[in-house]
Amino acid sequence: MSESTREIIKKMALSLFAQKGYYGTTMNEIAELVGIKTPSLYFHFSGKEELFFSVYEDLANEYVSLMDRIMTTIESTDIEDRLFYIFEQYIIYYIDNPEKQYFWNQIIFFTPSELKEQFFSHISNCDTRSQKKMQEILAKEIERGQLRNSSPFKMSWSFRSMRQGIIFWLMMAPELRRDELIKACWSDLWLGLKKR
């Protein structure tokens, strides 16, 4: 089945927003990339703000699905294997889909001031479920004596900070060996998480 014009518009807009940000992208550029006249864009989206938020919503829903999938794929395995899987799969996904990561960077660091409140409220809601699930996993393993006695909240932030740091460096220095870096950083993180 072929993609609808609306989906093609969003795909091209994602590419431009990821590269140039909200302010740096024009509706004319999006129309040109899609191969339609600019007025035709307004048949599908009322303006750049609606289009930007629509692209964001697709990525936010994709993020929620990704986290649900990777957190439930190997529920019954050893905790180190399970946490490594969650850690590794997230990194691989965003390294393999750099435009999506660049778009997230644009939102996090360069959200237009007039959209900031709307975006950060929505992002917080999307992230709450996966953060809660992560903290539940960590709390259960602390209780079982598999992880050191610490705050699941703080542990989950250490986990995600290391993960985001690896993505950043792999995007900045693609010559780094992805698998080696992920395993080396995981090894250090695991030493901090596990019970001694």
N, C-alpha and C. Protein backbone atom coordinates (compact mmCIF):
# COMPACT_ATOMS: atom_id res chain seq x y z
N MET A 1 0.85 -1.19 0.00
CA MET A 1 0.00 0.00 0.00
C MET A 1 0.88 1.24 0.00
N SER A 2 0.58 2.19 -0.84
CA SER A 2 1.41 3.40 -0.90
C SER A 2 1.09 4.33 0.26
N GLU A 3 2.09 5.14 0.59
CA GLU A 3 1.91 6.09 1.68
C GLU A 3 0.97 7.21 1.25
N SER A 4 0.22 7.72 2.21
CA SER A 4 -0.64 8.87 1.92
C SER A 4 0.23 10.12 1.82
N THR A 5 -0.30 11.14 1.17
CA THR A 5 0.43 12.41 1.05
C THR A 5 0.75 12.97 2.43
N ARG A 6 -0.20 12.84 3.34
CA ARG A 6 0.01 13.34 4.71
C ARG A 6 1.23 12.66 5.35
N GLU A 7 1.36 11.35 5.18
CA GLU A 7 2.49 10.62 5.75
C GLU A 7 3.80 11.02 5.08
N ILE A 8 3.77 11.23 3.77
CA ILE A 8 4.97 11.67 3.06
C ILE A 8 5.39 13.05 3.55
N ILE A 9 4.42 13.93 3.73
CA ILE A 9 4.72 15.27 4.25
C ILE A 9 5.40 15.17 5.60
N LYS A 10 4.86 14.32 6.48
CA LYS A 10 5.45 14.19 7.82
C LYS A 10 6.86 13.61 7.75
N LYS A 11 7.08 12.67 6.85
CA LYS A 11 8.40 12.06 6.71
C LYS A 11 9.43 13.11 6.24
N MET A 12 9.05 13.91 5.25
CA MET A 12 9.96 14.95 4.75
C MET A 12 10.15 16.04 5.80
N ALA A 13 9.09 16.36 6.51
CA ALA A 13 9.18 17.39 7.56
C ALA A 13 10.10 16.91 8.68
N LEU A 14 10.00 15.64 9.04
CA LEU A 14 10.90 15.09 10.06
C LEU A 14 12.35 15.30 9.65
N SER A 15 12.66 14.99 8.41
CA SER A 15 14.02 15.14 7.92
C SER A 15 14.51 16.58 8.04
N LEU A 16 13.68 17.53 7.62
CA LEU A 16 14.08 18.94 7.68
C LEU A 16 14.11 19.48 9.11
N PHE A 17 13.10 19.14 9.90
CA PHE A 17 13.09 19.60 11.30
C PHE A 17 14.30 19.04 12.06
N ALA A 18 14.66 17.79 11.77
CA ALA A 18 15.80 17.16 12.44
C ALA A 18 17.10 17.88 12.09
N GLN A 19 17.23 18.29 10.84
CA GLN A 19 18.46 18.98 10.39
C GLN A 19 18.48 20.45 10.78
N LYS A 20 17.35 21.14 10.60
CA LYS A 20 17.36 22.60 10.67
C LYS A 20 16.55 23.18 11.83
N GLY A 21 15.83 22.32 12.55
CA GLY A 21 15.02 22.80 13.65
C GLY A 21 13.72 23.43 13.17
N TYR A 22 12.93 23.85 14.13
CA TYR A 22 11.61 24.44 13.84
C TYR A 22 11.76 25.76 13.10
N TYR A 23 12.57 26.64 13.65
CA TYR A 23 12.70 27.97 13.04
C TYR A 23 13.45 27.93 11.71
N GLY A 24 14.36 27.00 11.55
CA GLY A 24 15.16 26.94 10.34
C GLY A 24 14.47 26.28 9.16
N THR A 25 13.31 25.67 9.41
CA THR A 25 12.58 24.96 8.35
C THR A 25 11.38 25.79 7.91
N THR A 26 11.18 25.87 6.60
CA THR A 26 10.02 26.60 6.09
C THR A 26 9.04 25.62 5.44
N MET A 27 7.81 26.05 5.38
CA MET A 27 6.79 25.24 4.71
C MET A 27 7.11 25.11 3.21
N ASN A 28 7.71 26.14 2.63
CA ASN A 28 8.12 26.08 1.22
C ASN A 28 9.12 24.95 1.00
N GLU A 29 10.10 24.83 1.91
CA GLU A 29 11.11 23.76 1.78
C GLU A 29 10.47 22.38 1.89
N ILE A 30 9.54 22.25 2.82
CA ILE A 30 8.85 20.96 2.99
C ILE A 30 8.08 20.61 1.73
N ALA A 31 7.35 21.59 1.21
CA ALA A 31 6.55 21.36 -0.02
C ALA A 31 7.46 20.95 -1.18
N GLU A 32 8.59 21.64 -1.29
CA GLU A 32 9.53 21.33 -2.38
C GLU A 32 10.05 19.91 -2.25
N LEU A 33 10.39 19.51 -1.04
CA LEU A 33 10.92 18.16 -0.81
C LEU A 33 9.86 17.09 -1.11
N VAL A 34 8.61 17.42 -0.79
CA VAL A 34 7.50 16.48 -1.04
C VAL A 34 7.17 16.43 -2.53
N GLY A 35 7.40 17.58 -3.21
CA GLY A 35 7.07 17.64 -4.64
C GLY A 35 5.67 18.17 -4.89
N ILE A 36 5.20 19.03 -3.97
CA ILE A 36 3.88 19.66 -4.13
C ILE A 36 4.04 21.16 -3.97
N LYS A 37 3.00 21.90 -4.28
CA LYS A 37 3.03 23.35 -4.10
C LYS A 37 2.71 23.67 -2.64
N THR A 38 3.31 24.75 -2.15
CA THR A 38 3.15 25.11 -0.73
C THR A 38 1.68 25.20 -0.30
N PRO A 39 0.78 25.83 -1.08
CA PRO A 39 -0.62 25.89 -0.63
C PRO A 39 -1.24 24.51 -0.38
N SER A 40 -0.74 23.49 -1.09
CA SER A 40 -1.27 22.13 -0.90
C SER A 40 -0.96 21.59 0.50
N LEU A 41 0.14 22.06 1.10
CA LEU A 41 0.46 21.62 2.47
C LEU A 41 -0.65 22.00 3.44
N TYR A 42 -1.24 23.18 3.18
CA TYR A 42 -2.26 23.69 4.10
C TYR A 42 -3.58 22.94 3.99
N PHE A 43 -3.72 22.11 2.98
CA PHE A 43 -4.87 21.21 2.90
C PHE A 43 -4.74 20.12 3.96
N HIS A 44 -3.49 19.74 4.28
CA HIS A 44 -3.22 18.65 5.23
C HIS A 44 -2.91 19.15 6.65
N PHE A 45 -2.27 20.31 6.75
CA PHE A 45 -1.88 20.87 8.06
C PHE A 45 -2.16 22.37 8.06
N SER A 46 -2.70 22.86 9.16
CA SER A 46 -3.07 24.27 9.21
C SER A 46 -1.86 25.20 9.21
N GLY A 47 -0.69 24.67 9.59
CA GLY A 47 0.52 25.49 9.61
C GLY A 47 1.70 24.68 10.11
N LYS A 48 2.82 25.35 10.23
CA LYS A 48 4.05 24.66 10.63
C LYS A 48 3.95 24.11 12.05
N GLU A 49 3.29 24.84 12.94
CA GLU A 49 3.17 24.38 14.32
C GLU A 49 2.41 23.05 14.39
N GLU A 50 1.31 22.94 13.67
CA GLU A 50 0.53 21.69 13.68
C GLU A 50 1.35 20.54 13.07
N LEU A 51 2.06 20.83 11.99
CA LEU A 51 2.89 19.81 11.35
C LEU A 51 4.00 19.34 12.28
N PHE A 52 4.67 20.28 12.93
CA PHE A 52 5.75 19.96 13.86
C PHE A 52 5.23 19.07 14.98
N PHE A 53 4.08 19.45 15.55
CA PHE A 53 3.53 18.67 16.66
C PHE A 53 3.06 17.30 16.18
N SER A 54 2.57 17.20 14.96
CA SER A 54 2.13 15.92 14.42
C SER A 54 3.32 14.97 14.25
N VAL A 55 4.44 15.50 13.75
CA VAL A 55 5.66 14.69 13.62
C VAL A 55 6.11 14.25 15.01
N TYR A 56 6.08 15.18 15.95
CA TYR A 56 6.47 14.86 17.33
C TYR A 56 5.57 13.76 17.91
N GLU A 57 4.26 13.89 17.74
CA GLU A 57 3.34 12.89 18.30
C GLU A 57 3.63 11.49 17.77
N ASP A 58 3.93 11.39 16.48
CA ASP A 58 4.28 10.08 15.91
C ASP A 58 5.51 9.50 16.60
N LEU A 59 6.53 10.35 16.81
CA LEU A 59 7.76 9.87 17.46
C LEU A 59 7.53 9.55 18.93
N ALA A 60 6.68 10.32 19.59
CA ALA A 60 6.38 10.06 20.99
C ALA A 60 5.66 8.71 21.14
N ASN A 61 4.71 8.44 20.26
CA ASN A 61 4.00 7.16 20.29
C ASN A 61 4.95 6.01 19.98
N GLU A 62 5.86 6.25 19.05
CA GLU A 62 6.85 5.24 18.70
C GLU A 62 7.77 4.96 19.89
N TYR A 63 8.14 6.01 20.62
CA TYR A 63 8.98 5.87 21.81
C TYR A 63 8.28 5.00 22.86
N VAL A 64 7.01 5.29 23.11
CA VAL A 64 6.24 4.51 24.10
C VAL A 64 6.19 3.04 23.68
N SER A 65 5.93 2.78 22.40
CA SER A 65 5.88 1.39 21.90
C SER A 65 7.23 0.71 22.02
N LEU A 66 8.29 1.44 21.67
CA LEU A 66 9.65 0.90 21.77
C LEU A 66 9.96 0.49 23.20
N MET A 67 9.68 1.38 24.16
CA MET A 67 9.99 1.09 25.56
C MET A 67 9.15 -0.07 26.08
N ASP A 68 7.88 -0.12 25.70
CA ASP A 68 7.03 -1.26 26.10
C ASP A 68 7.61 -2.57 25.57
N ARG A 69 8.02 -2.54 24.31
CA ARG A 69 8.55 -3.76 23.68
C ARG A 69 9.84 -4.21 24.34
N ILE A 70 10.79 -3.31 24.50
CA ILE A 70 12.09 -3.76 25.02
C ILE A 70 12.04 -4.08 26.51
N MET A 71 11.08 -3.51 27.23
CA MET A 71 11.00 -3.80 28.66
C MET A 71 10.25 -5.09 28.95
N THR A 72 9.48 -5.56 27.99
CA THR A 72 8.70 -6.78 28.25
C THR A 72 9.18 -7.99 27.45
N THR A 73 10.15 -7.80 26.56
CA THR A 73 10.61 -8.90 25.70
C THR A 73 11.22 -10.04 26.49
N ILE A 74 12.03 -9.71 27.49
CA ILE A 74 12.75 -10.78 28.21
C ILE A 74 12.51 -10.67 29.72
N GLU A 75 11.26 -10.58 30.12
CA GLU A 75 10.91 -10.37 31.52
C GLU A 75 11.46 -11.42 32.47
N SER A 76 11.56 -12.66 32.04
CA SER A 76 11.90 -13.74 32.98
C SER A 76 13.40 -14.05 33.06
N THR A 77 14.23 -13.30 32.36
CA THR A 77 15.65 -13.64 32.36
C THR A 77 16.39 -13.07 33.56
N ASP A 78 17.64 -13.44 33.66
CA ASP A 78 18.54 -12.91 34.67
C ASP A 78 18.54 -11.38 34.61
N ILE A 79 18.60 -10.71 35.76
CA ILE A 79 18.46 -9.25 35.79
C ILE A 79 19.56 -8.54 35.01
N GLU A 80 20.78 -9.04 35.06
CA GLU A 80 21.84 -8.38 34.29
C GLU A 80 21.54 -8.46 32.80
N ASP A 81 21.11 -9.62 32.31
CA ASP A 81 20.76 -9.78 30.90
C ASP A 81 19.59 -8.89 30.52
N ARG A 82 18.60 -8.83 31.41
CA ARG A 82 17.41 -8.03 31.13
C ARG A 82 17.75 -6.55 31.05
N LEU A 83 18.50 -6.05 32.02
CA LEU A 83 18.86 -4.63 32.01
C LEU A 83 19.76 -4.29 30.84
N PHE A 84 20.69 -5.19 30.52
CA PHE A 84 21.57 -4.95 29.37
C PHE A 84 20.75 -4.88 28.08
N TYR A 85 19.76 -5.75 27.94
CA TYR A 85 18.91 -5.75 26.75
C TYR A 85 18.18 -4.41 26.61
N ILE A 86 17.60 -3.93 27.70
CA ILE A 86 16.90 -2.64 27.69
C ILE A 86 17.86 -1.52 27.30
N PHE A 87 19.03 -1.55 27.90
CA PHE A 87 20.08 -0.56 27.67
C PHE A 87 20.53 -0.57 26.20
N GLU A 88 20.88 -1.75 25.71
CA GLU A 88 21.44 -1.91 24.37
C GLU A 88 20.42 -1.63 23.27
N GLN A 89 19.21 -2.17 23.41
CA GLN A 89 18.21 -2.03 22.34
C GLN A 89 17.79 -0.59 22.12
N TYR A 90 17.69 0.16 23.20
CA TYR A 90 17.35 1.58 23.09
C TYR A 90 18.44 2.32 22.31
N ILE A 91 19.69 2.10 22.67
CA ILE A 91 20.82 2.76 22.00
C ILE A 91 20.85 2.38 20.53
N ILE A 92 20.74 1.11 20.23
CA ILE A 92 20.80 0.64 18.84
C ILE A 92 19.68 1.27 18.01
N TYR A 93 18.48 1.33 18.60
CA TYR A 93 17.35 1.89 17.86
C TYR A 93 17.64 3.33 17.42
N TYR A 94 18.12 4.16 18.34
CA TYR A 94 18.32 5.57 18.00
C TYR A 94 19.59 5.80 17.18
N ILE A 95 20.58 4.95 17.30
CA ILE A 95 21.75 5.06 16.43
C ILE A 95 21.39 4.63 15.01
N ASP A 96 20.52 3.64 14.89
CA ASP A 96 20.08 3.19 13.57
C ASP A 96 19.04 4.13 12.94
N ASN A 97 18.49 5.04 13.72
CA ASN A 97 17.49 6.00 13.24
C ASN A 97 17.91 7.41 13.65
N PRO A 98 19.03 7.90 13.11
CA PRO A 98 19.59 9.16 13.58
C PRO A 98 18.67 10.37 13.40
N GLU A 99 17.86 10.39 12.33
CA GLU A 99 16.96 11.54 12.16
C GLU A 99 16.01 11.68 13.34
N LYS A 100 15.56 10.53 13.84
CA LYS A 100 14.64 10.56 14.98
C LYS A 100 15.34 11.10 16.22
N GLN A 101 16.60 10.71 16.42
CA GLN A 101 17.36 11.22 17.55
C GLN A 101 17.63 12.72 17.39
N TYR A 102 17.97 13.13 16.17
CA TYR A 102 18.21 14.56 15.92
C TYR A 102 16.94 15.38 16.17
N PHE A 103 15.79 14.82 15.79
CA PHE A 103 14.54 15.52 16.04
C PHE A 103 14.30 15.68 17.54
N TRP A 104 14.54 14.57 18.31
CA TRP A 104 14.40 14.65 19.77
C TRP A 104 15.34 15.71 20.34
N ASN A 105 16.57 15.76 19.82
CA ASN A 105 17.52 16.78 20.29
C ASN A 105 16.98 18.18 20.03
N GLN A 106 16.38 18.38 18.85
CA GLN A 106 15.80 19.68 18.53
C GLN A 106 14.71 20.05 19.54
N ILE A 107 13.88 19.08 19.88
CA ILE A 107 12.79 19.35 20.83
C ILE A 107 13.35 19.65 22.22
N ILE A 108 14.29 18.82 22.66
CA ILE A 108 14.80 18.97 24.03
C ILE A 108 15.61 20.26 24.20
N PHE A 109 16.46 20.57 23.22
CA PHE A 109 17.35 21.71 23.38
C PHE A 109 16.87 22.99 22.72
N PHE A 110 16.05 22.88 21.69
CA PHE A 110 15.69 24.08 20.91
C PHE A 110 14.18 24.21 20.70
N THR A 111 13.39 23.76 21.65
CA THR A 111 11.94 23.87 21.49
C THR A 111 11.57 25.34 21.36
N PRO A 112 10.77 25.67 20.35
CA PRO A 112 10.31 27.06 20.23
C PRO A 112 9.60 27.49 21.52
N SER A 113 9.90 28.70 21.97
CA SER A 113 9.36 29.16 23.26
C SER A 113 7.84 29.07 23.31
N GLU A 114 7.18 29.35 22.17
CA GLU A 114 5.72 29.33 22.17
C GLU A 114 5.14 27.91 22.26
N LEU A 115 6.00 26.89 22.06
CA LEU A 115 5.54 25.50 22.13
C LEU A 115 6.09 24.75 23.35
N LYS A 116 7.00 25.39 24.08
CA LYS A 116 7.74 24.71 25.14
C LYS A 116 6.83 24.04 26.17
N GLU A 117 5.88 24.78 26.69
CA GLU A 117 5.02 24.23 27.75
C GLU A 117 4.22 23.03 27.24
N GLN A 118 3.66 23.15 26.04
CA GLN A 118 2.88 22.08 25.44
C GLN A 118 3.74 20.83 25.24
N PHE A 119 4.95 21.01 24.71
CA PHE A 119 5.83 19.88 24.45
C PHE A 119 6.30 19.21 25.72
N PHE A 120 6.79 19.99 26.67
CA PHE A 120 7.37 19.36 27.85
C PHE A 120 6.32 18.67 28.72
N SER A 121 5.11 19.18 28.70
CA SER A 121 4.01 18.51 29.40
C SER A 121 3.72 17.17 28.73
N HIS A 122 3.68 17.16 27.41
CA HIS A 122 3.40 15.94 26.65
C HIS A 122 4.53 14.92 26.80
N ILE A 123 5.78 15.41 26.70
CA ILE A 123 6.94 14.52 26.84
C ILE A 123 6.94 13.85 28.21
N SER A 124 6.66 14.64 29.23
CA SER A 124 6.63 14.11 30.60
C SER A 124 5.59 13.01 30.73
N ASN A 125 4.40 13.21 30.14
CA ASN A 125 3.35 12.20 30.19
C ASN A 125 3.76 10.92 29.45
N CYS A 126 4.41 11.08 28.30
CA CYS A 126 4.84 9.91 27.51
C CYS A 126 5.91 9.12 28.24
N ASP A 127 6.77 9.81 28.95
CA ASP A 127 7.91 9.16 29.59
C ASP A 127 7.57 8.53 30.93
N THR A 128 6.50 9.00 31.55
CA THR A 128 6.16 8.53 32.90
C THR A 128 6.01 7.02 32.98
N ARG A 129 5.32 6.44 32.01
CA ARG A 129 5.05 5.00 32.05
C ARG A 129 6.34 4.18 32.01
N SER A 130 7.25 4.51 31.08
CA SER A 130 8.48 3.73 30.97
C SER A 130 9.39 3.96 32.18
N GLN A 131 9.42 5.19 32.70
CA GLN A 131 10.23 5.45 33.89
C GLN A 131 9.68 4.69 35.10
N LYS A 132 8.36 4.66 35.22
CA LYS A 132 7.74 3.94 36.33
C LYS A 132 8.05 2.44 36.23
N LYS A 133 7.93 1.90 35.02
CA LYS A 133 8.22 0.47 34.81
C LYS A 133 9.68 0.17 35.14
N MET A 134 10.59 1.05 34.71
CA MET A 134 12.02 0.85 35.00
C MET A 134 12.26 0.86 36.51
N GLN A 135 11.65 1.79 37.19
CA GLN A 135 11.83 1.87 38.64
C GLN A 135 11.24 0.66 39.35
N GLU A 136 10.15 0.13 38.83
CA GLU A 136 9.55 -1.10 39.39
C GLU A 136 10.51 -2.28 39.23
N ILE A 137 11.13 -2.40 38.04
CA ILE A 137 12.09 -3.48 37.80
C ILE A 137 13.24 -3.37 38.79
N LEU A 138 13.78 -2.17 38.93
CA LEU A 138 14.92 -1.96 39.83
C LEU A 138 14.54 -2.22 41.28
N ALA A 139 13.37 -1.72 41.69
CA ALA A 139 12.92 -1.91 43.08
C ALA A 139 12.76 -3.39 43.41
N LYS A 140 12.19 -4.14 42.48
CA LYS A 140 12.00 -5.58 42.69
C LYS A 140 13.34 -6.29 42.86
N GLU A 141 14.32 -5.91 42.05
CA GLU A 141 15.64 -6.57 42.13
C GLU A 141 16.44 -6.12 43.35
N ILE A 142 16.20 -4.92 43.82
CA ILE A 142 16.81 -4.47 45.08
C ILE A 142 16.25 -5.32 46.21
N GLU A 143 14.93 -5.50 46.21
CA GLU A 143 14.25 -6.29 47.23
C GLU A 143 14.72 -7.75 47.21
N ARG A 144 14.98 -8.28 46.02
CA ARG A 144 15.47 -9.66 45.88
C ARG A 144 16.95 -9.79 46.23
N GLY A 145 17.62 -8.66 46.43
CA GLY A 145 19.04 -8.70 46.78
C GLY A 145 19.98 -8.82 45.59
N GLN A 146 19.44 -8.60 44.38
CA GLN A 146 20.27 -8.69 43.17
C GLN A 146 21.00 -7.37 42.88
N LEU A 147 20.39 -6.26 43.30
CA LEU A 147 20.99 -4.94 43.10
C LEU A 147 21.27 -4.31 44.45
N ARG A 148 22.23 -3.40 44.46
CA ARG A 148 22.58 -2.75 45.74
C ARG A 148 21.41 -1.93 46.25
N ASN A 149 21.39 -1.69 47.53
CA ASN A 149 20.30 -0.97 48.16
C ASN A 149 20.46 0.52 47.87
N SER A 150 19.64 1.02 46.97
CA SER A 150 19.70 2.43 46.59
C SER A 150 18.32 2.85 46.12
N SER A 151 18.19 4.10 45.74
CA SER A 151 16.92 4.63 45.25
C SER A 151 16.68 4.18 43.81
N PRO A 152 15.58 3.45 43.55
CA PRO A 152 15.27 3.07 42.17
C PRO A 152 15.14 4.29 41.26
N PHE A 153 14.64 5.38 41.81
CA PHE A 153 14.51 6.61 41.03
C PHE A 153 15.89 7.10 40.55
N LYS A 154 16.84 7.18 41.48
CA LYS A 154 18.18 7.66 41.12
C LYS A 154 18.90 6.66 40.20
N MET A 155 18.71 5.38 40.46
CA MET A 155 19.32 4.36 39.60
C MET A 155 18.79 4.48 38.17
N SER A 156 17.48 4.70 38.03
CA SER A 156 16.90 4.79 36.69
C SER A 156 17.46 6.01 35.95
N TRP A 157 17.76 7.08 36.67
CA TRP A 157 18.33 8.26 36.02
C TRP A 157 19.79 8.03 35.65
N SER A 158 20.52 7.29 36.46
CA SER A 158 21.89 6.92 36.08
C SER A 158 21.88 6.08 34.81
N PHE A 159 20.95 5.14 34.77
CA PHE A 159 20.79 4.23 33.64
C PHE A 159 20.53 5.02 32.36
N ARG A 160 19.56 5.91 32.41
CA ARG A 160 19.20 6.65 31.20
C ARG A 160 20.26 7.68 30.83
N SER A 161 20.95 8.24 31.81
CA SER A 161 22.00 9.22 31.51
C SER A 161 23.18 8.56 30.79
N MET A 162 23.57 7.38 31.24
CA MET A 162 24.65 6.64 30.57
C MET A 162 24.22 6.29 29.15
N ARG A 163 23.00 5.86 29.00
CA ARG A 163 22.47 5.47 27.69
C ARG A 163 22.47 6.66 26.72
N GLN A 164 21.99 7.80 27.18
CA GLN A 164 21.97 8.99 26.32
C GLN A 164 23.37 9.47 26.00
N GLY A 165 24.28 9.35 26.96
CA GLY A 165 25.66 9.74 26.72
C GLY A 165 26.30 8.92 25.61
N ILE A 166 26.03 7.63 25.61
CA ILE A 166 26.58 6.75 24.57
C ILE A 166 26.01 7.14 23.20
N ILE A 167 24.71 7.40 23.15
CA ILE A 167 24.11 7.82 21.88
C ILE A 167 24.78 9.10 21.39
N PHE A 168 24.96 10.05 22.28
CA PHE A 168 25.60 11.31 21.91
C PHE A 168 26.98 11.07 21.30
N TRP A 169 27.81 10.27 21.97
CA TRP A 169 29.17 10.06 21.48
C TRP A 169 29.21 9.23 20.21
N LEU A 170 28.31 8.28 20.07
CA LEU A 170 28.27 7.50 18.83
C LEU A 170 27.83 8.36 17.64
N MET A 171 26.99 9.35 17.91
CA MET A 171 26.56 10.24 16.83
C MET A 171 27.66 11.27 16.51
N MET A 172 28.39 11.69 17.52
CA MET A 172 29.46 12.67 17.31
C MET A 172 30.70 12.01 16.71
N ALA A 173 30.96 10.78 17.07
CA ALA A 173 32.18 10.08 16.64
C ALA A 173 31.80 8.71 16.10
N PRO A 174 31.24 8.66 14.88
CA PRO A 174 30.77 7.38 14.34
C PRO A 174 31.86 6.34 14.13
N GLU A 175 33.12 6.79 14.22
CA GLU A 175 34.21 5.81 14.07
C GLU A 175 34.35 4.91 15.30
N LEU A 176 33.72 5.31 16.42
CA LEU A 176 33.75 4.45 17.61
C LEU A 176 33.04 3.13 17.29
N ARG A 177 33.53 2.08 17.86
CA ARG A 177 32.90 0.77 17.62
C ARG A 177 31.70 0.62 18.55
N ARG A 178 30.53 0.66 17.94
CA ARG A 178 29.28 0.69 18.70
C ARG A 178 29.18 -0.42 19.73
N ASP A 179 29.31 -1.67 19.28
CA ASP A 179 29.10 -2.79 20.19
C ASP A 179 30.10 -2.79 21.33
N GLU A 180 31.35 -2.47 21.02
CA GLU A 180 32.39 -2.44 22.06
C GLU A 180 32.10 -1.35 23.08
N LEU A 181 31.71 -0.17 22.59
CA LEU A 181 31.43 0.94 23.51
C LEU A 181 30.23 0.63 24.40
N ILE A 182 29.18 0.10 23.81
CA ILE A 182 27.99 -0.25 24.60
C ILE A 182 28.35 -1.25 25.68
N LYS A 183 29.10 -2.30 25.32
CA LYS A 183 29.45 -3.33 26.30
C LYS A 183 30.38 -2.79 27.39
N ALA A 184 31.34 -1.95 27.01
CA ALA A 184 32.28 -1.40 27.99
C ALA A 184 31.55 -0.48 28.98
N CYS A 185 30.69 0.38 28.46
CA CYS A 185 29.94 1.29 29.34
C CYS A 185 28.95 0.52 30.20
N TRP A 186 28.32 -0.51 29.61
CA TRP A 186 27.40 -1.32 30.39
C TRP A 186 28.13 -1.99 31.55
N SER A 187 29.31 -2.51 31.29
CA SER A 187 30.08 -3.18 32.32
C SER A 187 30.33 -2.25 33.51
N ASP A 188 30.68 -1.00 33.22
CA ASP A 188 30.90 -0.02 34.29
C ASP A 188 29.61 0.30 35.03
N LEU A 189 28.53 0.47 34.26
CA LEU A 189 27.25 0.77 34.90
C LEU A 189 26.78 -0.40 35.76
N TRP A 190 26.93 -1.62 35.24
CA TRP A 190 26.50 -2.80 35.99
C TRP A 190 27.26 -2.92 37.31
N LEU A 191 28.55 -2.60 37.30
CA LEU A 191 29.32 -2.65 38.54
C LEU A 191 28.77 -1.70 39.59
N GLY A 192 28.18 -0.60 39.13
CA GLY A 192 27.57 0.35 40.06
C GLY A 192 26.19 -0.06 40.51
N LEU A 193 25.49 -0.87 39.74
CA LEU A 193 24.13 -1.27 40.07
C LEU A 193 24.04 -2.52 40.92
N LYS A 194 24.92 -3.49 40.63
CA LYS A 194 24.75 -4.79 41.27
C LYS A 194 25.15 -4.76 42.73
N LYS A 195 24.63 -5.72 43.45
CA LYS A 195 24.96 -5.83 44.87
C LYS A 195 26.38 -6.37 44.99
N ARG A 196 27.16 -5.76 45.87
CA ARG A 196 28.55 -6.19 46.03
C ARG A 196 28.63 -7.31 47.05
